[in-house]
């Protein structure tokens, strides 16, 4: 997908730091449900806010904020689309993730990112 791998890794780590400061809550919802999407959007806003407060990472804040908006606005930021899938994958059981992510392609996730994910697993796209 011609993306900056270092930037994608940094964004993933920044997002993970956000989870470290968030109050964990029990989540009985389907990770791809409307309720979980709202939580992912809140986490993305929190990650963007934290990044914006640190001059070294301030440039990453818009990408972090966009990572939870693809399903609503079809945000055109490729790294945000990758991060949105990665965050969802983190919440899904590994054995169900490929099927669930594939089913959400085009509605919650950028289809090109989903295709790349499935291809990396050696699954049909």
PDB file of N, CA and C in Angstrom:
ATOM      1  N   UNK A   1       0.820  -1.211   0.000  1.00  0.00           N
ATOM      2  CA  UNK A   1       0.000   0.000   0.000  1.00  0.00           C
ATOM      3  C   UNK A   1       0.855   1.263   0.000  1.00  0.00           C
ATOM      4  N   UNK A   2       2.165   1.119  -0.106  1.00  0.00           N
ATOM      5  CA  UNK A   2       3.079   2.260  -0.181  1.00  0.00           C
ATOM      6  C   UNK A   2       2.914   3.203   1.004  1.00  0.00           C
ATOM      7  N   UNK A   3       2.872   2.654   2.204  1.00  0.00           N
ATOM      8  CA  UNK A   3       2.745   3.463   3.412  1.00  0.00           C
ATOM      9  C   UNK A   3       4.071   3.514   4.145  1.00  0.00           C
ATOM     10  N   UNK A   4       4.254   4.510   4.946  1.00  0.00           N
ATOM     11  CA  UNK A   4       5.445   4.665   5.775  1.00  0.00           C
ATOM     12  C   UNK A   4       5.320   3.713   6.965  1.00  0.00           C
ATOM     13  N   UNK A   5       6.080   2.621   6.934  1.00  0.00           N
ATOM     14  CA  UNK A   5       5.982   1.598   7.983  1.00  0.00           C
ATOM     15  C   UNK A   5       6.373   2.148   9.347  1.00  0.00           C
ATOM     16  N   UNK A   6       7.373   3.013   9.392  1.00  0.00           N
ATOM     17  CA  UNK A   6       7.794   3.591  10.672  1.00  0.00           C
ATOM     18  C   UNK A   6       6.681   4.451  11.267  1.00  0.00           C
ATOM     19  N   UNK A   7       6.010   5.220  10.417  1.00  0.00           N
ATOM     20  CA  UNK A   7       4.899   6.052  10.907  1.00  0.00           C
ATOM     21  C   UNK A   7       3.758   5.178  11.395  1.00  0.00           C
ATOM     22  N   UNK A   8       3.448   4.105  10.678  1.00  0.00           N
ATOM     23  CA  UNK A   8       2.370   3.210  11.097  1.00  0.00           C
ATOM     24  C   UNK A   8       2.694   2.586  12.453  1.00  0.00           C
ATOM     25  N   UNK A   9       3.938   2.174  12.638  1.00  0.00           N
ATOM     26  CA  UNK A   9       4.354   1.586  13.912  1.00  0.00           C
ATOM     27  C   UNK A   9       4.248   2.625  15.033  1.00  0.00           C
ATOM     28  N   UNK A  10       4.740   3.839  14.785  1.00  0.00           N
ATOM     29  CA  UNK A  10       4.680   4.901  15.793  1.00  0.00           C
ATOM     30  C   UNK A  10       3.233   5.211  16.169  1.00  0.00           C
ATOM     31  N   UNK A  11       2.361   5.286  15.182  1.00  0.00           N
ATOM     32  CA  UNK A  11       0.948   5.571  15.460  1.00  0.00           C
ATOM     33  C   UNK A  11       0.327   4.455  16.289  1.00  0.00           C
ATOM     34  N   UNK A  12       0.664   3.207  15.970  1.00  0.00           N
ATOM     35  CA  UNK A  12       0.156   2.088  16.761  1.00  0.00           C
ATOM     36  C   UNK A  12       0.616   2.162  18.195  1.00  0.00           C
ATOM     37  N   UNK A  13       1.884   2.526  18.399  1.00  0.00           N
ATOM     38  CA  UNK A  13       2.401   2.647  19.766  1.00  0.00           C
ATOM     39  C   UNK A  13       1.745   3.805  20.508  1.00  0.00           C
ATOM     40  N   UNK A  14       1.534   4.924  19.825  1.00  0.00           N
ATOM     41  CA  UNK A  14       0.845   6.048  20.467  1.00  0.00           C
ATOM     42  C   UNK A  14      -0.574   5.657  20.864  1.00  0.00           C
ATOM     43  N   UNK A  15      -1.246   4.927  19.988  1.00  0.00           N
ATOM     44  CA  UNK A  15      -2.601   4.485  20.302  1.00  0.00           C
ATOM     45  C   UNK A  15      -2.580   3.529  21.493  1.00  0.00           C
ATOM     46  N   UNK A  16      -1.592   2.633  21.553  1.00  0.00           N
ATOM     47  CA  UNK A  16      -1.475   1.691  22.670  1.00  0.00           C
ATOM     48  C   UNK A  16      -1.232   2.426  23.978  1.00  0.00           C
ATOM     49  N   UNK A  17      -0.448   3.492  23.950  1.00  0.00           N
ATOM     50  CA  UNK A  17      -0.234   4.284  25.164  1.00  0.00           C
ATOM     51  C   UNK A  17      -1.541   4.876  25.666  1.00  0.00           C
ATOM     52  N   UNK A  18      -2.414   5.251  24.747  1.00  0.00           N
ATOM     53  CA  UNK A  18      -3.719   5.779  25.139  1.00  0.00           C
ATOM     54  C   UNK A  18      -4.492   4.742  25.925  1.00  0.00           C
ATOM     55  N   UNK A  19      -4.421   3.483  25.492  1.00  0.00           N
ATOM     56  CA  UNK A  19      -5.106   2.415  26.204  1.00  0.00           C
ATOM     57  C   UNK A  19      -4.531   2.198  27.584  1.00  0.00           C
ATOM     58  N   UNK A  20      -3.240   2.480  27.743  1.00  0.00           N
ATOM     59  CA  UNK A  20      -2.596   2.282  29.038  1.00  0.00           C
ATOM     60  C   UNK A  20      -3.101   3.283  30.066  1.00  0.00           C
ATOM     61  N   UNK A  21      -3.534   4.462  29.615  1.00  0.00           N
ATOM     62  CA  UNK A  21      -4.019   5.463  30.566  1.00  0.00           C
ATOM     63  C   UNK A  21      -5.534   5.452  30.688  1.00  0.00           C
ATOM     64  N   UNK A  22      -6.206   4.725  29.818  1.00  0.00           N
ATOM     65  CA  UNK A  22      -7.667   4.675  29.867  1.00  0.00           C
ATOM     66  C   UNK A  22      -8.116   3.708  30.963  1.00  0.00           C
ATOM     67  N   UNK A  23      -9.215   4.019  31.550  1.00  0.00           N
ATOM     68  CA  UNK A  23      -9.795   3.128  32.546  1.00  0.00           C
ATOM     69  C   UNK A  23     -10.387   1.930  31.816  1.00  0.00           C
ATOM     70  N   UNK A  24      -9.832   0.721  32.046  1.00  0.00           N
ATOM     71  CA  UNK A  24     -10.390  -0.430  31.333  1.00  0.00           C
ATOM     72  C   UNK A  24     -11.798  -0.734  31.826  1.00  0.00           C
ATOM     73  N   UNK A  25     -12.649  -1.051  30.892  1.00  0.00           N
ATOM     74  CA  UNK A  25     -14.012  -1.399  31.261  1.00  0.00           C
ATOM     75  C   UNK A  25     -14.370  -2.739  30.635  1.00  0.00           C
ATOM     76  N   UNK A  26     -15.235  -3.441  31.306  1.00  0.00           N
ATOM     77  CA  UNK A  26     -15.672  -4.718  30.749  1.00  0.00           C
ATOM     78  C   UNK A  26     -16.464  -4.426  29.482  1.00  0.00           C
ATOM     79  N   UNK A  27     -16.176  -5.165  28.441  1.00  0.00           N
ATOM     80  CA  UNK A  27     -16.838  -4.939  27.161  1.00  0.00           C
ATOM     81  C   UNK A  27     -17.497  -6.223  26.702  1.00  0.00           C
ATOM     82  N   UNK A  28     -18.800  -6.285  26.877  1.00  0.00           N
ATOM     83  CA  UNK A  28     -19.543  -7.455  26.438  1.00  0.00           C
ATOM     84  C   UNK A  28     -20.094  -7.243  25.028  1.00  0.00           C
ATOM     85  N   UNK A  29     -19.825  -6.090  24.432  1.00  0.00           N
ATOM     86  CA  UNK A  29     -20.333  -5.792  23.104  1.00  0.00           C
ATOM     87  C   UNK A  29     -19.452  -6.429  22.035  1.00  0.00           C
ATOM     88  N   UNK A  30     -20.028  -6.704  20.923  1.00  0.00           N
ATOM     89  CA  UNK A  30     -19.288  -7.133  19.742  1.00  0.00           C
ATOM     90  C   UNK A  30     -18.298  -6.012  19.403  1.00  0.00           C
ATOM     91  N   UNK A  31     -17.005  -6.333  19.223  1.00  0.00           N
ATOM     92  CA  UNK A  31     -16.016  -5.288  18.943  1.00  0.00           C
ATOM     93  C   UNK A  31     -16.306  -4.457  17.694  1.00  0.00           C
ATOM     94  N   UNK A  32     -17.167  -4.941  16.816  1.00  0.00           N
ATOM     95  CA  UNK A  32     -17.509  -4.168  15.627  1.00  0.00           C
ATOM     96  C   UNK A  32     -18.905  -3.558  15.700  1.00  0.00           C
ATOM     97  N   UNK A  33     -19.522  -3.622  16.864  1.00  0.00           N
ATOM     98  CA  UNK A  33     -20.866  -3.052  17.008  1.00  0.00           C
ATOM     99  C   UNK A  33     -20.799  -1.528  17.031  1.00  0.00           C
ATOM    100  N   UNK A  34     -21.950  -0.905  16.946  1.00  0.00           N
ATOM    101  CA  UNK A  34     -22.039   0.549  17.007  1.00  0.00           C
ATOM    102  C   UNK A  34     -21.438   1.063  18.310  1.00  0.00           C
ATOM    103  N   UNK A  35     -21.678   0.345  19.410  1.00  0.00           N
ATOM    104  CA  UNK A  35     -21.189   0.786  20.712  1.00  0.00           C
ATOM    105  C   UNK A  35     -19.660   0.736  20.769  1.00  0.00           C
ATOM    106  N   UNK A  36     -19.090  -0.315  20.244  1.00  0.00           N
ATOM    107  CA  UNK A  36     -17.631  -0.435  20.236  1.00  0.00           C
ATOM    108  C   UNK A  36     -17.012   0.615  19.326  1.00  0.00           C
ATOM    109  N   UNK A  37     -17.661   0.937  18.216  1.00  0.00           N
ATOM    110  CA  UNK A  37     -17.135   1.979  17.322  1.00  0.00           C
ATOM    111  C   UNK A  37     -17.081   3.313  18.047  1.00  0.00           C
ATOM    112  N   UNK A  38     -18.100   3.597  18.861  1.00  0.00           N
ATOM    113  CA  UNK A  38     -18.107   4.850  19.614  1.00  0.00           C
ATOM    114  C   UNK A  38     -16.957   4.875  20.616  1.00  0.00           C
ATOM    115  N   UNK A  39     -16.667   3.732  21.227  1.00  0.00           N
ATOM    116  CA  UNK A  39     -15.529   3.653  22.146  1.00  0.00           C
ATOM    117  C   UNK A  39     -14.214   3.815  21.409  1.00  0.00           C
ATOM    118  N   UNK A  40     -14.098   3.209  20.213  1.00  0.00           N
ATOM    119  CA  UNK A  40     -12.883   3.373  19.413  1.00  0.00           C
ATOM    120  C   UNK A  40     -12.702   4.838  19.020  1.00  0.00           C
ATOM    121  N   UNK A  41     -13.801   5.507  18.688  1.00  0.00           N
ATOM    122  CA  UNK A  41     -13.720   6.926  18.333  1.00  0.00           C
ATOM    123  C   UNK A  41     -13.255   7.750  19.535  1.00  0.00           C
ATOM    124  N   UNK A  42     -13.762   7.440  20.715  1.00  0.00           N
ATOM    125  CA  UNK A  42     -13.333   8.157  21.926  1.00  0.00           C
ATOM    126  C   UNK A  42     -11.857   7.900  22.203  1.00  0.00           C
ATOM    127  N   UNK A  43     -11.419   6.667  22.023  1.00  0.00           N
ATOM    128  CA  UNK A  43     -10.002   6.346  22.229  1.00  0.00           C
ATOM    129  C   UNK A  43      -9.139   7.079  21.213  1.00  0.00           C
ATOM    130  N   UNK A  44      -9.598   7.170  19.975  1.00  0.00           N
ATOM    131  CA  UNK A  44      -8.839   7.877  18.942  1.00  0.00           C
ATOM    132  C   UNK A  44      -8.748   9.362  19.270  1.00  0.00           C
ATOM    133  N   UNK A  45      -9.828   9.940  19.761  1.00  0.00           N
ATOM    134  CA  UNK A  45      -9.797  11.357  20.153  1.00  0.00           C
ATOM    135  C   UNK A  45      -8.828  11.566  21.314  1.00  0.00           C
ATOM    136  N   UNK A  46      -8.846  10.632  22.270  1.00  0.00           N
ATOM    137  CA  UNK A  46      -7.931  10.710  23.410  1.00  0.00           C
ATOM    138  C   UNK A  46      -6.483  10.588  22.934  1.00  0.00           C
ATOM    139  N   UNK A  47      -6.210   9.644  22.030  1.00  0.00           N
ATOM    140  CA  UNK A  47      -4.857   9.471  21.492  1.00  0.00           C
ATOM    141  C   UNK A  47      -4.415  10.736  20.759  1.00  0.00           C
ATOM    142  N   UNK A  48      -5.306  11.323  19.985  1.00  0.00           N
ATOM    143  CA  UNK A  48      -4.970  12.545  19.256  1.00  0.00           C
ATOM    144  C   UNK A  48      -4.674  13.684  20.215  1.00  0.00           C
ATOM    145  N   UNK A  49      -5.446  13.777  21.273  1.00  0.00           N
ATOM    146  CA  UNK A  49      -5.241  14.826  22.270  1.00  0.00           C
ATOM    147  C   UNK A  49      -3.887  14.672  22.960  1.00  0.00           C
ATOM    148  N   UNK A  50      -3.536  13.443  23.317  1.00  0.00           N
ATOM    149  CA  UNK A  50      -2.241  13.188  23.950  1.00  0.00           C
ATOM    150  C   UNK A  50      -1.114  13.518  22.985  1.00  0.00           C
ATOM    151  N   UNK A  51      -1.226  13.065  21.740  1.00  0.00           N
ATOM    152  CA  UNK A  51      -0.190  13.330  20.746  1.00  0.00           C
ATOM    153  C   UNK A  51      -0.039  14.832  20.509  1.00  0.00           C
ATOM    154  N   UNK A  52      -1.153  15.545  20.444  1.00  0.00           N
ATOM    155  CA  UNK A  52      -1.110  16.980  20.186  1.00  0.00           C
ATOM    156  C   UNK A  52      -0.393  17.736  21.307  1.00  0.00           C
ATOM    157  N   UNK A  53      -0.427  17.186  22.518  1.00  0.00           N
ATOM    158  CA  UNK A  53       0.191  17.846  23.664  1.00  0.00           C
ATOM    159  C   UNK A  53       1.713  17.672  23.701  1.00  0.00           C
ATOM    160  N   UNK A  54       2.240  16.777  22.887  1.00  0.00           N
ATOM    161  CA  UNK A  54       3.685  16.520  22.854  1.00  0.00           C
ATOM    162  C   UNK A  54       4.214  17.005  21.511  1.00  0.00           C
ATOM    163  N   UNK A  55       5.022  18.073  21.514  1.00  0.00           N
ATOM    164  CA  UNK A  55       5.464  18.644  20.224  1.00  0.00           C
ATOM    165  C   UNK A  55       6.030  17.622  19.239  1.00  0.00           C
ATOM    166  N   UNK A  56       6.764  16.645  19.719  1.00  0.00           N
ATOM    167  CA  UNK A  56       7.365  15.653  18.817  1.00  0.00           C
ATOM    168  C   UNK A  56       6.315  14.832  18.071  1.00  0.00           C
ATOM    169  N   UNK A  57       5.132  14.640  18.677  1.00  0.00           N
ATOM    170  CA  UNK A  57       4.092  13.803  18.081  1.00  0.00           C
ATOM    171  C   UNK A  57       2.880  14.605  17.604  1.00  0.00           C
ATOM    172  N   UNK A  58       2.938  15.907  17.682  1.00  0.00           N
ATOM    173  CA  UNK A  58       1.783  16.738  17.313  1.00  0.00           C
ATOM    174  C   UNK A  58       1.326  16.484  15.878  1.00  0.00           C
ATOM    175  N   UNK A  59       2.256  16.197  14.988  1.00  0.00           N
ATOM    176  CA  UNK A  59       1.889  15.930  13.596  1.00  0.00           C
ATOM    177  C   UNK A  59       1.110  14.645  13.414  1.00  0.00           C
ATOM    178  N   UNK A  60       1.208  13.736  14.397  1.00  0.00           N
ATOM    179  CA  UNK A  60       0.474  12.473  14.326  1.00  0.00           C
ATOM    180  C   UNK A  60      -0.974  12.604  14.801  1.00  0.00           C
ATOM    181  N   UNK A  61      -1.285  13.688  15.501  1.00  0.00           N
ATOM    182  CA  UNK A  61      -2.617  13.848  16.085  1.00  0.00           C
ATOM    183  C   UNK A  61      -3.743  13.753  15.047  1.00  0.00           C
ATOM    184  N   UNK A  62      -3.650  14.410  13.882  1.00  0.00           N
ATOM    185  CA  UNK A  62      -4.747  14.295  12.913  1.00  0.00           C
ATOM    186  C   UNK A  62      -4.967  12.869  12.405  1.00  0.00           C
ATOM    187  N   UNK A  63      -3.884  12.108  12.243  1.00  0.00           N
ATOM    188  CA  UNK A  63      -4.020  10.729  11.769  1.00  0.00           C
ATOM    189  C   UNK A  63      -4.692   9.881  12.839  1.00  0.00           C
ATOM    190  N   UNK A  64      -4.285  10.078  14.096  1.00  0.00           N
ATOM    191  CA  UNK A  64      -4.915   9.332  15.183  1.00  0.00           C
ATOM    192  C   UNK A  64      -6.408   9.655  15.264  1.00  0.00           C
ATOM    193  N   UNK A  65      -6.749  10.917  15.163  1.00  0.00           N
ATOM    194  CA  UNK A  65      -8.156  11.312  15.221  1.00  0.00           C
ATOM    195  C   UNK A  65      -8.944  10.714  14.059  1.00  0.00           C
ATOM    196  N   UNK A  66      -8.328  10.648  12.881  1.00  0.00           N
ATOM    197  CA  UNK A  66      -9.012  10.121  11.696  1.00  0.00           C
ATOM    198  C   UNK A  66      -9.175   8.610  11.733  1.00  0.00           C
ATOM    199  N   UNK A  67      -8.415   7.916  12.594  1.00  0.00           N
ATOM    200  CA  UNK A  67      -8.428   6.454  12.574  1.00  0.00           C
ATOM    201  C   UNK A  67      -9.777   5.846  12.913  1.00  0.00           C
ATOM    202  N   UNK A  68     -10.613   6.551  13.636  1.00  0.00           N
ATOM    203  CA  UNK A  68     -11.920   6.015  13.989  1.00  0.00           C
ATOM    204  C   UNK A  68     -13.036   6.587  13.134  1.00  0.00           C
ATOM    205  N   UNK A  69     -12.701   7.400  12.127  1.00  0.00           N
ATOM    206  CA  UNK A  69     -13.739   8.051  11.332  1.00  0.00           C
ATOM    207  C   UNK A  69     -13.989   7.420   9.983  1.00  0.00           C
ATOM    208  N   UNK A  70     -13.206   6.429   9.582  1.00  0.00           N
ATOM    209  CA  UNK A  70     -13.354   5.932   8.221  1.00  0.00           C
ATOM    210  C   UNK A  70     -14.777   5.487   7.936  1.00  0.00           C
ATOM    211  N   UNK A  71     -15.372   4.776   8.857  1.00  0.00           N
ATOM    212  CA  UNK A  71     -16.714   4.241   8.605  1.00  0.00           C
ATOM    213  C   UNK A  71     -17.759   5.329   8.547  1.00  0.00           C
ATOM    214  N   UNK A  72     -17.472   6.504   9.094  1.00  0.00           N
ATOM    215  CA  UNK A  72     -18.451   7.594   9.065  1.00  0.00           C
ATOM    216  C   UNK A  72     -18.214   8.528   7.882  1.00  0.00           C
ATOM    217  N   UNK A  73     -16.937   8.866   7.654  1.00  0.00           N
ATOM    218  CA  UNK A  73     -16.630   9.924   6.701  1.00  0.00           C
ATOM    219  C   UNK A  73     -15.788   9.472   5.524  1.00  0.00           C
ATOM    220  N   UNK A  74     -15.375   8.210   5.508  1.00  0.00           N
ATOM    221  CA  UNK A  74     -14.480   7.699   4.472  1.00  0.00           C
ATOM    222  C   UNK A  74     -13.211   8.558   4.409  1.00  0.00           C
ATOM    223  N   UNK A  75     -12.637   8.816   5.592  1.00  0.00           N
ATOM    224  CA  UNK A  75     -11.433   9.646   5.690  1.00  0.00           C
ATOM    225  C   UNK A  75     -10.385   9.156   4.698  1.00  0.00           C
ATOM    226  N   UNK A  76      -9.748  10.085   4.017  1.00  0.00           N
ATOM    227  CA  UNK A  76      -8.808   9.729   2.967  1.00  0.00           C
ATOM    228  C   UNK A  76      -7.384   9.501   3.425  1.00  0.00           C
ATOM    229  N   UNK A  77      -7.134   9.377   4.710  1.00  0.00           N
ATOM    230  CA  UNK A  77      -5.791   9.194   5.234  1.00  0.00           C
ATOM    231  C   UNK A  77      -5.474   7.705   5.317  1.00  0.00           C
ATOM    232  N   UNK A  78      -4.581   7.174   4.478  1.00  0.00           N
ATOM    233  CA  UNK A  78      -4.301   5.737   4.459  1.00  0.00           C
ATOM    234  C   UNK A  78      -3.784   5.187   5.789  1.00  0.00           C
ATOM    235  N   UNK A  79      -2.903   5.930   6.467  1.00  0.00           N
ATOM    236  CA  UNK A  79      -2.404   5.437   7.756  1.00  0.00           C
ATOM    237  C   UNK A  79      -3.537   5.338   8.776  1.00  0.00           C
ATOM    238  N   UNK A  80      -4.495   6.269   8.718  1.00  0.00           N
ATOM    239  CA  UNK A  80      -5.637   6.212   9.624  1.00  0.00           C
ATOM    240  C   UNK A  80      -6.473   4.971   9.346  1.00  0.00           C
ATOM    241  N   UNK A  81      -6.616   4.629   8.071  1.00  0.00           N
ATOM    242  CA  UNK A  81      -7.383   3.437   7.708  1.00  0.00           C
ATOM    243  C   UNK A  81      -6.704   2.170   8.222  1.00  0.00           C
ATOM    244  N   UNK A  82      -5.372   2.127   8.132  1.00  0.00           N
ATOM    245  CA  UNK A  82      -4.628   0.979   8.651  1.00  0.00           C
ATOM    246  C   UNK A  82      -4.764   0.907  10.168  1.00  0.00           C
ATOM    247  N   UNK A  83      -4.627   2.038  10.825  1.00  0.00           N
ATOM    248  CA  UNK A  83      -4.725   2.067  12.276  1.00  0.00           C
ATOM    249  C   UNK A  83      -6.123   1.659  12.739  1.00  0.00           C
ATOM    250  N   UNK A  84      -7.154   2.078  12.021  1.00  0.00           N
ATOM    251  CA  UNK A  84      -8.521   1.682  12.375  1.00  0.00           C
ATOM    252  C   UNK A  84      -8.698   0.175  12.355  1.00  0.00           C
ATOM    253  N   UNK A  85      -8.135  -0.496  11.363  1.00  0.00           N
ATOM    254  CA  UNK A  85      -8.203  -1.961  11.298  1.00  0.00           C
ATOM    255  C   UNK A  85      -7.378  -2.576  12.418  1.00  0.00           C
ATOM    256  N   UNK A  86      -6.191  -2.028  12.663  1.00  0.00           N
ATOM    257  CA  UNK A  86      -5.318  -2.582  13.709  1.00  0.00           C
ATOM    258  C   UNK A  86      -5.970  -2.497  15.091  1.00  0.00           C
ATOM    259  N   UNK A  87      -6.633  -1.390  15.363  1.00  0.00           N
ATOM    260  CA  UNK A  87      -7.289  -1.233  16.662  1.00  0.00           C
ATOM    261  C   UNK A  87      -8.426  -2.234  16.803  1.00  0.00           C
ATOM    262  N   UNK A  88      -9.194  -2.431  15.744  1.00  0.00           N
ATOM    263  CA  UNK A  88     -10.273  -3.422  15.787  1.00  0.00           C
ATOM    264  C   UNK A  88      -9.709  -4.828  15.947  1.00  0.00           C
ATOM    265  N   UNK A  89      -8.629  -5.130  15.233  1.00  0.00           N
ATOM    266  CA  UNK A  89      -8.015  -6.458  15.344  1.00  0.00           C
ATOM    267  C   UNK A  89      -7.582  -6.750  16.770  1.00  0.00           C
ATOM    268  N   UNK A  90      -7.098  -5.744  17.453  1.00  0.00           N
ATOM    269  CA  UNK A  90      -6.653  -5.914  18.831  1.00  0.00           C
ATOM    270  C   UNK A  90      -7.799  -6.345  19.748  1.00  0.00           C
ATOM    271  N   UNK A  91      -9.019  -5.962  19.407  1.00  0.00           N
ATOM    272  CA  UNK A  91     -10.174  -6.280  20.241  1.00  0.00           C
ATOM    273  C   UNK A  91     -10.870  -7.583  19.854  1.00  0.00           C
ATOM    274  N   UNK A  92     -10.494  -8.151  18.720  1.00  0.00           N
ATOM    275  CA  UNK A  92     -11.181  -9.345  18.213  1.00  0.00           C
ATOM    276  C   UNK A  92     -10.446 -10.629  18.582  1.00  0.00           C
ATOM    277  N   UNK A  93     -11.197 -11.716  18.797  1.00  0.00           N
ATOM    278  CA  UNK A  93     -10.542 -13.012  18.989  1.00  0.00           C
ATOM    279  C   UNK A  93      -9.798 -13.381  17.704  1.00  0.00           C
ATOM    280  N   UNK A  94      -8.534 -13.820  17.813  1.00  0.00           N
ATOM    281  CA  UNK A  94      -7.731 -14.090  16.612  1.00  0.00           C
ATOM    282  C   UNK A  94      -8.389 -15.049  15.622  1.00  0.00           C
ATOM    283  N   UNK A  95      -9.117 -16.041  16.098  1.00  0.00           N
ATOM    284  CA  UNK A  95      -9.720 -17.004  15.174  1.00  0.00           C
ATOM    285  C   UNK A  95     -10.914 -16.428  14.417  1.00  0.00           C
ATOM    286  N   UNK A  96     -11.542 -15.384  14.942  1.00  0.00           N
ATOM    287  CA  UNK A  96     -12.682 -14.758  14.275  1.00  0.00           C
ATOM    288  C   UNK A  96     -12.313 -13.510  13.489  1.00  0.00           C
ATOM    289  N   UNK A  97     -11.144 -12.945  13.783  1.00  0.00           N
ATOM    290  CA  UNK A  97     -10.782 -11.648  13.214  1.00  0.00           C
ATOM    291  C   UNK A  97     -10.837 -11.604  11.683  1.00  0.00           C
ATOM    292  N   UNK A  98     -10.242 -12.551  10.969  1.00  0.00           N
ATOM    293  CA  UNK A  98     -10.279 -12.431   9.498  1.00  0.00           C
ATOM    294  C   UNK A  98     -11.702 -12.378   8.945  1.00  0.00           C
ATOM    295  N   UNK A  99     -12.569 -13.225   9.454  1.00  0.00           N
ATOM    296  CA  UNK A  99     -13.951 -13.255   8.956  1.00  0.00           C
ATOM    297  C   UNK A  99     -14.680 -11.958   9.291  1.00  0.00           C
ATOM    298  N   UNK A 100     -14.528 -11.481  10.528  1.00  0.00           N
ATOM    299  CA  UNK A 100     -15.248 -10.279  10.954  1.00  0.00           C
ATOM    300  C   UNK A 100     -14.727  -9.028  10.245  1.00  0.00           C
ATOM    301  N   UNK A 101     -13.415  -8.929  10.112  1.00  0.00           N
ATOM    302  CA  UNK A 101     -12.845  -7.774   9.418  1.00  0.00           C
ATOM    303  C   UNK A 101     -13.266  -7.788   7.953  1.00  0.00           C
ATOM    304  N   UNK A 102     -13.233  -8.961   7.322  1.00  0.00           N
ATOM    305  CA  UNK A 102     -13.657  -9.064   5.920  1.00  0.00           C
ATOM    306  C   UNK A 102     -15.112  -8.647   5.759  1.00  0.00           C
ATOM    307  N   UNK A 103     -15.956  -9.040   6.699  1.00  0.00           N
ATOM    308  CA  UNK A 103     -17.376  -8.693   6.616  1.00  0.00           C
ATOM    309  C   UNK A 103     -17.608  -7.192   6.776  1.00  0.00           C
ATOM    310  N   UNK A 104     -16.696  -6.510   7.455  1.00  0.00           N
ATOM    311  CA  UNK A 104     -16.863  -5.072   7.695  1.00  0.00           C
ATOM    312  C   UNK A 104     -16.146  -4.212   6.653  1.00  0.00           C
ATOM    313  N   UNK A 105     -15.529  -4.823   5.654  1.00  0.00           N
ATOM    314  CA  UNK A 105     -14.849  -4.058   4.604  1.00  0.00           C
ATOM    315  C   UNK A 105     -15.857  -3.212   3.845  1.00  0.00           C
ATOM    316  N   UNK A 106     -15.531  -1.952   3.696  1.00  0.00           N
ATOM    317  CA  UNK A 106     -16.407  -1.045   2.955  1.00  0.00           C
ATOM    318  C   UNK A 106     -17.431  -0.342   3.806  1.00  0.00           C
ATOM    319  N   UNK A 107     -17.745  -0.891   4.976  1.00  0.00           N
ATOM    320  CA  UNK A 107     -18.682  -0.212   5.860  1.00  0.00           C
ATOM    321  C   UNK A 107     -17.959   0.399   7.049  1.00  0.00           C
ATOM    322  N   UNK A 108     -17.071  -0.376   7.677  1.00  0.00           N
ATOM    323  CA  UNK A 108     -16.315   0.139   8.811  1.00  0.00           C
ATOM    324  C   UNK A 108     -14.839   0.316   8.489  1.00  0.00           C
ATOM    325  N   UNK A 109     -14.358  -0.371   7.472  1.00  0.00           N
ATOM    326  CA  UNK A 109     -12.932  -0.350   7.163  1.00  0.00           C
ATOM    327  C   UNK A 109     -12.704  -0.173   5.674  1.00  0.00           C
ATOM    328  N   UNK A 110     -11.591   0.466   5.370  1.00  0.00           N
ATOM    329  CA  UNK A 110     -11.197   0.689   3.984  1.00  0.00           C
ATOM    330  C   UNK A 110     -10.997  -0.675   3.319  1.00  0.00           C
ATOM    331  N   UNK A 111     -11.685  -0.947   2.219  1.00  0.00           N
ATOM    332  CA  UNK A 111     -11.558  -2.250   1.562  1.00  0.00           C
ATOM    333  C   UNK A 111     -10.122  -2.591   1.151  1.00  0.00           C
ATOM    334  N   UNK A 112      -9.330  -1.598   0.740  1.00  0.00           N
ATOM    335  CA  UNK A 112      -7.939  -1.874   0.348  1.00  0.00           C
ATOM    336  C   UNK A 112      -7.117  -2.345   1.542  1.00  0.00           C
ATOM    337  N   UNK A 113      -7.373  -1.780   2.711  1.00  0.00           N
ATOM    338  CA  UNK A 113      -6.654  -2.198   3.916  1.00  0.00           C
ATOM    339  C   UNK A 113      -7.072  -3.616   4.297  1.00  0.00           C
ATOM    340  N   UNK A 114      -8.347  -3.898   4.194  1.00  0.00           N
ATOM    341  CA  UNK A 114      -8.830  -5.248   4.508  1.00  0.00           C
ATOM    342  C   UNK A 114      -8.216  -6.256   3.537  1.00  0.00           C
ATOM    343  N   UNK A 115      -8.168  -5.920   2.254  1.00  0.00           N
ATOM    344  CA  UNK A 115      -7.549  -6.822   1.275  1.00  0.00           C
ATOM    345  C   UNK A 115      -6.090  -7.073   1.604  1.00  0.00           C
ATOM    346  N   UNK A 116      -5.356  -6.031   1.984  1.00  0.00           N
ATOM    347  CA  UNK A 116      -3.943  -6.186   2.342  1.00  0.00           C
ATOM    348  C   UNK A 116      -3.791  -7.071   3.574  1.00  0.00           C
ATOM    349  N   UNK A 117      -4.664  -6.886   4.560  1.00  0.00           N
ATOM    350  CA  UNK A 117      -4.638  -7.699   5.775  1.00  0.00           C
ATOM    351  C   UNK A 117      -4.883  -9.173   5.439  1.00  0.00           C
ATOM    352  N   UNK A 118      -5.926  -9.434   4.649  1.00  0.00           N
ATOM    353  CA  UNK A 118      -6.249 -10.818   4.290  1.00  0.00           C
ATOM    354  C   UNK A 118      -5.134 -11.441   3.440  1.00  0.00           C
ATOM    355  N   UNK A 119      -4.575 -10.666   2.519  1.00  0.00           N
ATOM    356  CA  UNK A 119      -3.475 -11.176   1.689  1.00  0.00           C
ATOM    357  C   UNK A 119      -2.268 -11.521   2.542  1.00  0.00           C
ATOM    358  N   UNK A 120      -1.984 -10.701   3.559  1.00  0.00           N
ATOM    359  CA  UNK A 120      -0.849 -10.978   4.445  1.00  0.00           C
ATOM    360  C   UNK A 120      -1.055 -12.282   5.208  1.00  0.00           C
ATOM    361  N   UNK A 121      -2.304 -12.642   5.442  1.00  0.00           N
ATOM    362  CA  UNK A 121      -2.616 -13.908   6.113  1.00  0.00           C
ATOM    363  C   UNK A 121      -2.647 -15.080   5.143  1.00  0.00           C
ATOM    364  N   UNK A 122      -2.554 -14.778   3.841  1.00  0.00           N
ATOM    365  CA  UNK A 122      -2.623 -15.839   2.841  1.00  0.00           C
ATOM    366  C   UNK A 122      -4.044 -16.286   2.562  1.00  0.00           C
ATOM    367  N   UNK A 123      -4.991 -15.417   2.850  1.00  0.00           N
ATOM    368  CA  UNK A 123      -6.413 -15.746   2.639  1.00  0.00           C
ATOM    369  C   UNK A 123      -6.880 -15.133   1.333  1.00  0.00           C
ATOM    370  N   UNK A 124      -7.911 -15.710   0.732  1.00  0.00           N
ATOM    371  CA  UNK A 124      -8.453 -15.116  -0.494  1.00  0.00           C
ATOM    372  C   UNK A 124      -9.027 -13.730  -0.224  1.00  0.00           C
ATOM    373  N   UNK A 125      -8.859 -12.847  -1.187  1.00  0.00           N
ATOM    374  CA  UNK A 125      -9.384 -11.493  -1.000  1.00  0.00           C
ATOM    375  C   UNK A 125     -10.481 -11.184  -1.977  1.00  0.00           C
TER     376      UNK A 125
END
